Amino acid sequence: MEVFLWIIAVALVVSGIIALVQGEAAWGAVLIIVGLLVGPGGVSIFT
């Protein structure tokens, strides 16, 4: 389960960075914050 959470978190953060580069600041910030919350190293919403 922990590996699965890491994969989701990385995908969300990378998507957020791509959105920021494309000029979608609000959507990029939301994706990065959600990615940090989901990741097992952060405050996981699943535990």
N, C-alpha and C. Protein backbone atom coordinates (compact mmCIF):
# COMPACT_ATOMS: atom_id res chain seq x y z
N MET A 1 0.82 -1.20 0.00
CA MET A 1 0.00 0.00 0.00
C MET A 1 0.86 1.26 0.00
N GLU A 2 1.97 1.21 0.71
CA GLU A 2 2.84 2.38 0.79
C GLU A 2 3.43 2.73 -0.58
N VAL A 3 3.81 1.72 -1.34
CA VAL A 3 4.36 1.96 -2.69
C VAL A 3 3.29 2.58 -3.58
N PHE A 4 2.08 2.10 -3.46
CA PHE A 4 0.96 2.64 -4.24
C PHE A 4 0.74 4.12 -3.92
N LEU A 5 0.80 4.48 -2.63
CA LEU A 5 0.64 5.88 -2.23
C LEU A 5 1.77 6.75 -2.77
N TRP A 6 2.99 6.22 -2.76
CA TRP A 6 4.12 6.98 -3.31
C TRP A 6 3.92 7.24 -4.80
N ILE A 7 3.46 6.23 -5.53
CA ILE A 7 3.24 6.40 -6.98
C ILE A 7 2.18 7.46 -7.24
N ILE A 8 1.09 7.41 -6.50
CA ILE A 8 0.03 8.42 -6.66
C ILE A 8 0.55 9.81 -6.31
N ALA A 9 1.29 9.91 -5.21
CA ALA A 9 1.81 11.21 -4.77
C ALA A 9 2.76 11.80 -5.81
N VAL A 10 3.65 10.98 -6.33
CA VAL A 10 4.60 11.46 -7.34
C VAL A 10 3.86 11.90 -8.60
N ALA A 11 2.88 11.12 -9.02
CA ALA A 11 2.11 11.48 -10.22
C ALA A 11 1.38 12.81 -10.02
N LEU A 12 0.81 13.02 -8.85
CA LEU A 12 0.10 14.28 -8.58
C LEU A 12 1.04 15.47 -8.56
N VAL A 13 2.19 15.32 -7.92
CA VAL A 13 3.14 16.43 -7.84
C VAL A 13 3.70 16.75 -9.22
N VAL A 14 4.04 15.74 -10.00
CA VAL A 14 4.55 15.97 -11.36
C VAL A 14 3.48 16.65 -12.21
N SER A 15 2.24 16.20 -12.10
CA SER A 15 1.15 16.83 -12.84
C SER A 15 0.98 18.29 -12.41
N GLY A 16 1.13 18.55 -11.13
CA GLY A 16 1.04 19.92 -10.64
C GLY A 16 2.14 20.81 -11.18
N ILE A 17 3.35 20.29 -11.24
CA ILE A 17 4.47 21.06 -11.79
C ILE A 17 4.24 21.35 -13.27
N ILE A 18 3.75 20.36 -14.00
CA ILE A 18 3.46 20.57 -15.42
C ILE A 18 2.38 21.63 -15.60
N ALA A 19 1.35 21.59 -14.75
CA ALA A 19 0.29 22.59 -14.82
C ALA A 19 0.83 23.99 -14.52
N LEU A 20 1.75 24.10 -13.54
CA LEU A 20 2.35 25.39 -13.24
C LEU A 20 3.14 25.92 -14.43
N VAL A 21 3.88 25.06 -15.09
CA VAL A 21 4.68 25.48 -16.25
C VAL A 21 3.78 25.94 -17.38
N GLN A 22 2.62 25.31 -17.52
CA GLN A 22 1.69 25.68 -18.59
C GLN A 22 0.87 26.91 -18.25
N GLY A 23 1.05 27.48 -17.08
CA GLY A 23 0.37 28.71 -16.72
C GLY A 23 -0.89 28.52 -15.90
N GLU A 24 -1.20 27.31 -15.49
CA GLU A 24 -2.38 27.05 -14.68
C GLU A 24 -1.97 26.98 -13.21
N ALA A 25 -1.75 28.14 -12.61
CA ALA A 25 -1.18 28.21 -11.27
C ALA A 25 -2.10 27.61 -10.21
N ALA A 26 -3.38 27.91 -10.26
CA ALA A 26 -4.30 27.42 -9.22
C ALA A 26 -4.40 25.91 -9.28
N TRP A 27 -4.60 25.34 -10.47
CA TRP A 27 -4.72 23.90 -10.61
C TRP A 27 -3.41 23.21 -10.24
N GLY A 28 -2.30 23.78 -10.62
CA GLY A 28 -1.00 23.21 -10.27
C GLY A 28 -0.76 23.18 -8.78
N ALA A 29 -1.12 24.27 -8.10
CA ALA A 29 -0.95 24.33 -6.65
C ALA A 29 -1.84 23.29 -5.95
N VAL A 30 -3.07 23.13 -6.42
CA VAL A 30 -3.97 22.14 -5.84
C VAL A 30 -3.40 20.73 -6.00
N LEU A 31 -2.91 20.41 -7.18
CA LEU A 31 -2.35 19.08 -7.42
C LEU A 31 -1.13 18.81 -6.55
N ILE A 32 -0.28 19.80 -6.38
CA ILE A 32 0.92 19.63 -5.56
C ILE A 32 0.54 19.43 -4.09
N ILE A 33 -0.40 20.22 -3.60
CA ILE A 33 -0.82 20.08 -2.20
C ILE A 33 -1.47 18.73 -1.96
N VAL A 34 -2.33 18.29 -2.87
CA VAL A 34 -2.97 16.98 -2.72
C VAL A 34 -1.92 15.87 -2.78
N GLY A 35 -0.94 16.02 -3.67
CA GLY A 35 0.14 15.03 -3.75
C GLY A 35 0.93 14.93 -2.47
N LEU A 36 1.17 16.06 -1.82
CA LEU A 36 1.90 16.04 -0.55
C LEU A 36 1.06 15.44 0.57
N LEU A 37 -0.25 15.63 0.52
CA LEU A 37 -1.12 15.06 1.54
C LEU A 37 -1.26 13.54 1.39
N VAL A 38 -1.26 13.07 0.16
CA VAL A 38 -1.44 11.63 -0.10
C VAL A 38 -0.17 10.85 0.20
N GLY A 39 0.96 11.45 -0.03
CA GLY A 39 2.24 10.75 0.12
C GLY A 39 2.46 10.21 1.52
N PRO A 40 3.01 9.02 1.64
CA PRO A 40 3.23 8.42 2.95
C PRO A 40 4.25 9.18 3.80
N GLY A 41 5.07 10.00 3.20
CA GLY A 41 6.02 10.80 3.96
C GLY A 41 5.38 12.03 4.58
N GLY A 42 4.20 12.43 4.05
CA GLY A 42 3.52 13.59 4.56
C GLY A 42 2.36 13.18 5.47
N VAL A 43 1.35 14.01 5.48
CA VAL A 43 0.16 13.72 6.28
C VAL A 43 -0.78 12.93 5.39
N SER A 44 -0.71 11.63 5.48
CA SER A 44 -1.52 10.80 4.59
C SER A 44 -2.98 10.82 5.02
N ILE A 45 -3.86 11.03 4.05
CA ILE A 45 -5.29 11.06 4.35
C ILE A 45 -5.84 9.64 4.49
N PHE A 46 -5.04 8.62 4.20
CA PHE A 46 -5.50 7.25 4.26
C PHE A 46 -5.13 6.56 5.57
N THR A 47 -4.45 7.25 6.48
CA THR A 47 -4.05 6.61 7.74
C THR A 47 -4.73 7.26 8.91
